Amino acid sequence: MMELKVEGMSCGHCVRAVTEAIRGEDPEAVVQVDLAAGLVRAETSLPRDRVAALIAEEGYKVAA
């Protein structure tokens, strides 16, 4: 399970956008978004840098 710090998420739309972006490439992915903490946890076969890129493509900033 990877954990990424993500800035700019604030609502249910953000949760859906991030979740659907990751599941778009890995339909089996388990994605948990913690809006209060600004964290995305993903259990996926995708590499960390690809998950970060997918989140960034949705318009959110992924901390290094």
C-alpha atoms as a PDB file:
ATOM      1  CA  MET A   1       0.000   0.000   0.000  1.00  0.00           C
ATOM      2  CA  MET A   2       1.453   3.349  -1.018  1.00  0.00           C
ATOM      3  CA  GLU A   3       0.615   6.653   0.605  1.00  0.00           C
ATOM      4  CA  LEU A   4       0.871  10.009  -1.144  1.00  0.00           C
ATOM      5  CA  LYS A   5       0.428  13.495   0.303  1.00  0.00           C
ATOM      6  CA  VAL A   6      -1.860  15.421  -2.048  1.00  0.00           C
ATOM      7  CA  GLU A   7      -2.748  19.114  -1.927  1.00  0.00           C
ATOM      8  CA  GLY A   8      -5.944  20.652  -3.276  1.00  0.00           C
ATOM      9  CA  MET A   9      -8.488  17.924  -2.482  1.00  0.00           C
ATOM     10  CA  SER A  10     -11.515  19.235  -0.614  1.00  0.00           C
ATOM     11  CA  CYS A  11     -14.714  17.416  -1.578  1.00  0.00           C
ATOM     12  CA  GLY A  12     -16.416  14.309  -2.864  1.00  0.00           C
ATOM     13  CA  HIS A  13     -15.670  15.283  -6.454  1.00  0.00           C
ATOM     14  CA  CYS A  14     -11.961  15.285  -5.607  1.00  0.00           C
ATOM     15  CA  VAL A  15     -12.265  11.803  -4.112  1.00  0.00           C
ATOM     16  CA  ARG A  16     -14.052  10.500  -7.220  1.00  0.00           C
ATOM     17  CA  ALA A  17     -11.614  12.155  -9.624  1.00  0.00           C
ATOM     18  CA  VAL A  18      -8.550  10.689  -7.919  1.00  0.00           C
ATOM     19  CA  THR A  19     -10.126   7.265  -7.430  1.00  0.00           C
ATOM     20  CA  GLU A  20     -11.359   7.024 -11.026  1.00  0.00           C
ATOM     21  CA  ALA A  21      -8.013   8.206 -12.408  1.00  0.00           C
ATOM     22  CA  ILE A  22      -6.164   5.397 -10.623  1.00  0.00           C
ATOM     23  CA  ARG A  23      -8.809   2.751 -11.334  1.00  0.00           C
ATOM     24  CA  GLY A  24      -8.834   3.818 -14.969  1.00  0.00           C
ATOM     25  CA  GLU A  25      -5.431   2.179 -15.349  1.00  0.00           C
ATOM     26  CA  ASP A  26      -5.773  -0.459 -12.613  1.00  0.00           C
ATOM     27  CA  PRO A  27      -9.418  -1.506 -12.192  1.00  0.00           C
ATOM     28  CA  GLU A  28      -8.441  -3.744  -9.258  1.00  0.00           C
ATOM     29  CA  ALA A  29      -6.874  -0.879  -7.288  1.00  0.00           C
ATOM     30  CA  VAL A  30      -8.101  -0.179  -3.769  1.00  0.00           C
ATOM     31  CA  VAL A  31      -8.052   3.594  -3.226  1.00  0.00           C
ATOM     32  CA  GLN A  32      -8.684   5.429   0.048  1.00  0.00           C
ATOM     33  CA  VAL A  33      -8.742   9.218   0.225  1.00  0.00           C
ATOM     34  CA  ASP A  34      -8.446  11.074   3.529  1.00  0.00           C
ATOM     35  CA  LEU A  35      -9.508  14.647   2.728  1.00  0.00           C
ATOM     36  CA  ALA A  36      -8.754  15.989   6.222  1.00  0.00           C
ATOM     37  CA  ALA A  37      -5.180  14.676   6.162  1.00  0.00           C
ATOM     38  CA  GLY A  38      -4.654  15.263   2.429  1.00  0.00           C
ATOM     39  CA  LEU A  39      -3.631  11.657   1.884  1.00  0.00           C
ATOM     40  CA  VAL A  40      -4.278   9.153  -0.874  1.00  0.00           C
ATOM     41  CA  ARG A  41      -3.609   5.517  -0.041  1.00  0.00           C
ATOM     42  CA  ALA A  42      -3.580   3.101  -2.941  1.00  0.00           C
ATOM     43  CA  GLU A  43      -3.117  -0.627  -3.159  1.00  0.00           C
ATOM     44  CA  THR A  44      -2.272  -1.035  -6.826  1.00  0.00           C
ATOM     45  CA  SER A  45       0.072  -2.762  -9.242  1.00  0.00           C
ATOM     46  CA  LEU A  46       0.971   0.632 -10.737  1.00  0.00           C
ATOM     47  CA  PRO A  47       4.328   2.171  -9.818  1.00  0.00           C
ATOM     48  CA  ARG A  48       4.284   5.090  -7.380  1.00  0.00           C
ATOM     49  CA  ASP A  49       5.421   7.620  -9.996  1.00  0.00           C
ATOM     50  CA  ARG A  50       2.555   6.617 -12.312  1.00  0.00           C
ATOM     51  CA  VAL A  51      -0.017   6.994  -9.516  1.00  0.00           C
ATOM     52  CA  ALA A  52       1.435  10.434  -8.712  1.00  0.00           C
ATOM     53  CA  ALA A  53       1.241  11.399 -12.402  1.00  0.00           C
ATOM     54  CA  LEU A  54      -2.398  10.294 -12.645  1.00  0.00           C
ATOM     55  CA  ILE A  55      -3.287  12.393  -9.595  1.00  0.00           C
ATOM     56  CA  ALA A  56      -1.386  15.379 -11.003  1.00  0.00           C
ATOM     57  CA  GLU A  57      -3.226  15.027 -14.325  1.00  0.00           C
ATOM     58  CA  GLU A  58      -6.463  15.566 -12.356  1.00  0.00           C
ATOM     59  CA  GLY A  59      -5.113  18.926 -11.200  1.00  0.00           C
ATOM     60  CA  TYR A  60      -3.842  18.096  -7.716  1.00  0.00           C
ATOM     61  CA  LYS A  61      -0.334  18.649  -6.372  1.00  0.00           C
ATOM     62  CA  VAL A  62       1.463  15.555  -5.116  1.00  0.00           C
ATOM     63  CA  ALA A  63       4.135  16.275  -2.516  1.00  0.00           C
ATOM     64  CA  ALA A  64       7.561  14.787  -3.218  1.00  0.00           C
END
